[in-house]
Amino acid sequence: MDHSESERLMSLLRKAMRMLDVKHRDLARRLGVSPSYLSRLFHGVIDLKVDQLVRIVEALGFGPGEFFRMAYPEDSQALSPAAAALRGLVPEAGALQPAVAPVATPVYVTAEEVERKIEDTVRRLFAELGKSST
């Protein structure tokens, strides 16, 4: 995984942990790893792998798709050429938006937008938990 993207995703994870009041020690216990291993992962000493990211996301109570939608919200721009080609080859990709024009650079969101999305998701999760316990 690209280092800058790893940092961006880890920053989002840190914010989610703060908002959910999940401590490193608690998350390490949920993952079955040592707190020092998790600390090295969060500080970039150990390269973040996709499977590790998914395990962390799930341990925080998010689905991987939900987390990645917060990290990379959909926009009204067209699909990249790679996504457009995939859309034609993979039936599951049919839900993707049709390509209008290639996107030259990835679309990034501000930290404030990411925090707002996390807050909205956490509020929704707590509301759903409240409904299911009654």
Protein backbone atom coordinates (compact mmCIF):
# COMPACT_ATOMS: atom_id res chain seq x y z
CA MET A 1 0.00 0.00 0.00
CA ASP A 2 1.34 3.47 -0.89
CA HIS A 3 2.87 5.14 2.18
CA SER A 4 0.87 8.38 1.85
CA GLU A 5 -2.37 6.43 1.51
CA SER A 6 -1.44 4.28 4.50
CA GLU A 7 -0.89 7.44 6.54
CA ARG A 8 -4.21 8.86 5.38
CA LEU A 9 -6.11 5.69 6.29
CA MET A 10 -4.33 5.37 9.63
CA SER A 11 -5.24 8.98 10.41
CA LEU A 12 -8.87 8.15 9.72
CA LEU A 13 -8.59 5.09 11.99
CA ARG A 14 -7.08 7.21 14.77
CA LYS A 15 -9.96 9.68 14.51
CA ALA A 16 -12.50 6.85 14.59
CA MET A 17 -10.79 5.39 17.67
CA ARG A 18 -10.88 8.77 19.43
CA MET A 19 -14.54 9.30 18.60
CA LEU A 20 -15.46 5.78 19.68
CA ASP A 21 -13.21 6.07 22.77
CA VAL A 22 -11.32 2.90 21.82
CA LYS A 23 -7.83 2.74 23.35
CA HIS A 24 -4.89 1.04 21.62
CA ARG A 25 -4.80 -1.62 24.34
CA ASP A 26 -8.51 -2.42 23.79
CA LEU A 27 -8.08 -2.59 20.03
CA ALA A 28 -4.99 -4.79 20.38
CA ARG A 29 -6.98 -7.17 22.61
CA ARG A 30 -9.82 -7.30 20.06
CA LEU A 31 -7.33 -8.10 17.31
CA GLY A 32 -5.37 -10.62 19.36
CA VAL A 33 -2.09 -8.73 18.93
CA SER A 34 0.23 -7.00 21.37
CA PRO A 35 -0.23 -3.27 22.02
CA SER A 36 3.39 -2.73 20.92
CA TYR A 37 2.71 -4.42 17.55
CA LEU A 38 -0.36 -2.23 17.04
CA SER A 39 1.63 0.87 18.00
CA ARG A 40 4.37 0.00 15.48
CA LEU A 41 1.69 -0.52 12.82
CA PHE A 42 0.01 2.82 13.60
CA HIS A 43 3.36 4.65 13.57
CA GLY A 44 4.42 3.21 10.20
CA VAL A 45 7.25 1.05 11.55
CA ILE A 46 5.41 -1.97 10.14
CA ASP A 47 3.89 -1.57 6.67
CA LEU A 48 0.10 -1.62 6.70
CA LYS A 49 -1.36 -4.44 4.62
CA VAL A 50 -4.91 -4.47 3.32
CA ASP A 51 -5.87 -7.53 5.38
CA GLN A 52 -4.58 -5.80 8.54
CA LEU A 53 -6.55 -2.68 7.71
CA VAL A 54 -9.73 -4.71 7.20
CA ARG A 55 -9.23 -6.52 10.54
CA ILE A 56 -8.74 -3.19 12.34
CA VAL A 57 -11.78 -1.65 10.68
CA GLU A 58 -13.93 -4.63 11.63
CA ALA A 59 -12.58 -4.62 15.20
CA LEU A 60 -13.78 -1.02 15.46
CA GLY A 61 -17.25 -2.11 14.37
CA PHE A 62 -17.23 -0.81 10.80
CA GLY A 63 -17.70 -2.80 7.64
CA PRO A 64 -14.78 -2.46 5.19
CA GLY A 65 -17.02 -0.94 2.52
CA GLU A 66 -18.40 1.56 5.01
CA PHE A 67 -14.90 2.58 6.08
CA PHE A 68 -13.66 2.98 2.50
CA ARG A 69 -16.76 5.00 1.56
CA MET A 70 -15.88 7.37 4.41
CA ALA A 71 -12.25 7.52 3.29
CA TYR A 72 -13.13 7.89 -0.39
CA PRO A 73 -16.64 9.30 -0.70
CA GLU A 74 -18.29 8.97 -4.07
CA ASP A 75 -18.30 12.08 -6.16
CA SER A 76 -20.06 13.14 -9.30
CA GLN A 77 -16.96 12.72 -11.45
CA ALA A 78 -16.56 9.93 -13.97
CA LEU A 79 -14.90 6.61 -13.33
CA SER A 80 -11.21 6.15 -13.94
CA PRO A 81 -10.31 4.20 -17.11
CA ALA A 82 -9.43 1.17 -14.96
CA ALA A 83 -12.81 1.21 -13.19
CA ALA A 84 -14.62 1.69 -16.49
CA ALA A 85 -12.82 -1.34 -17.98
CA LEU A 86 -13.58 -3.40 -14.86
CA ARG A 87 -17.24 -2.44 -15.10
CA GLY A 88 -17.43 -4.18 -18.45
CA LEU A 89 -15.60 -7.31 -17.28
CA VAL A 90 -17.01 -8.01 -13.83
CA PRO A 91 -20.79 -8.31 -13.37
CA GLU A 92 -20.59 -7.08 -9.75
CA ALA A 93 -19.02 -3.86 -10.99
CA GLY A 94 -22.21 -3.07 -12.90
CA ALA A 95 -23.37 -0.89 -10.01
CA LEU A 96 -20.52 1.50 -10.72
CA GLN A 97 -21.38 4.77 -12.40
CA PRO A 98 -20.91 4.90 -16.17
CA ALA A 99 -17.72 6.53 -17.39
CA VAL A 100 -18.07 9.99 -18.86
CA ALA A 101 -14.46 11.12 -18.91
CA PRO A 102 -11.28 9.74 -17.34
CA VAL A 103 -10.28 11.09 -13.95
CA ALA A 104 -6.61 12.05 -13.99
CA THR A 105 -6.09 12.33 -10.23
CA PRO A 106 -7.76 10.78 -7.20
CA VAL A 107 -10.32 12.86 -5.36
CA TYR A 108 -9.33 13.69 -1.80
CA VAL A 109 -11.51 15.00 0.97
CA THR A 110 -10.58 17.34 3.77
CA ALA A 111 -9.97 16.11 7.30
CA GLU A 112 -13.11 17.99 8.36
CA GLU A 113 -15.22 16.09 5.80
CA VAL A 114 -13.79 12.79 7.00
CA GLU A 115 -14.48 13.69 10.65
CA ARG A 116 -18.04 14.70 9.79
CA LYS A 117 -18.62 11.40 8.00
CA ILE A 118 -17.20 9.46 10.94
CA GLU A 119 -19.40 11.39 13.36
CA ASP A 120 -22.47 10.74 11.21
CA THR A 121 -21.64 7.04 10.98
CA VAL A 122 -20.99 6.72 14.71
CA ARG A 123 -24.26 8.50 15.52
CA ARG A 124 -26.10 6.18 13.12
CA LEU A 125 -24.44 3.09 14.63
CA PHE A 126 -25.35 4.18 18.17
CA ALA A 127 -28.91 4.91 17.08
CA GLU A 128 -29.18 1.44 15.52
CA LEU A 129 -27.70 -0.15 18.67
CA GLY A 130 -30.24 1.73 20.79
CA LYS A 131 -33.10 0.47 18.62
CA SER A 132 -31.93 -3.14 18.73
CA SER A 133 -31.61 -3.18 22.53
CA THR A 134 -35.21 -2.08 23.12
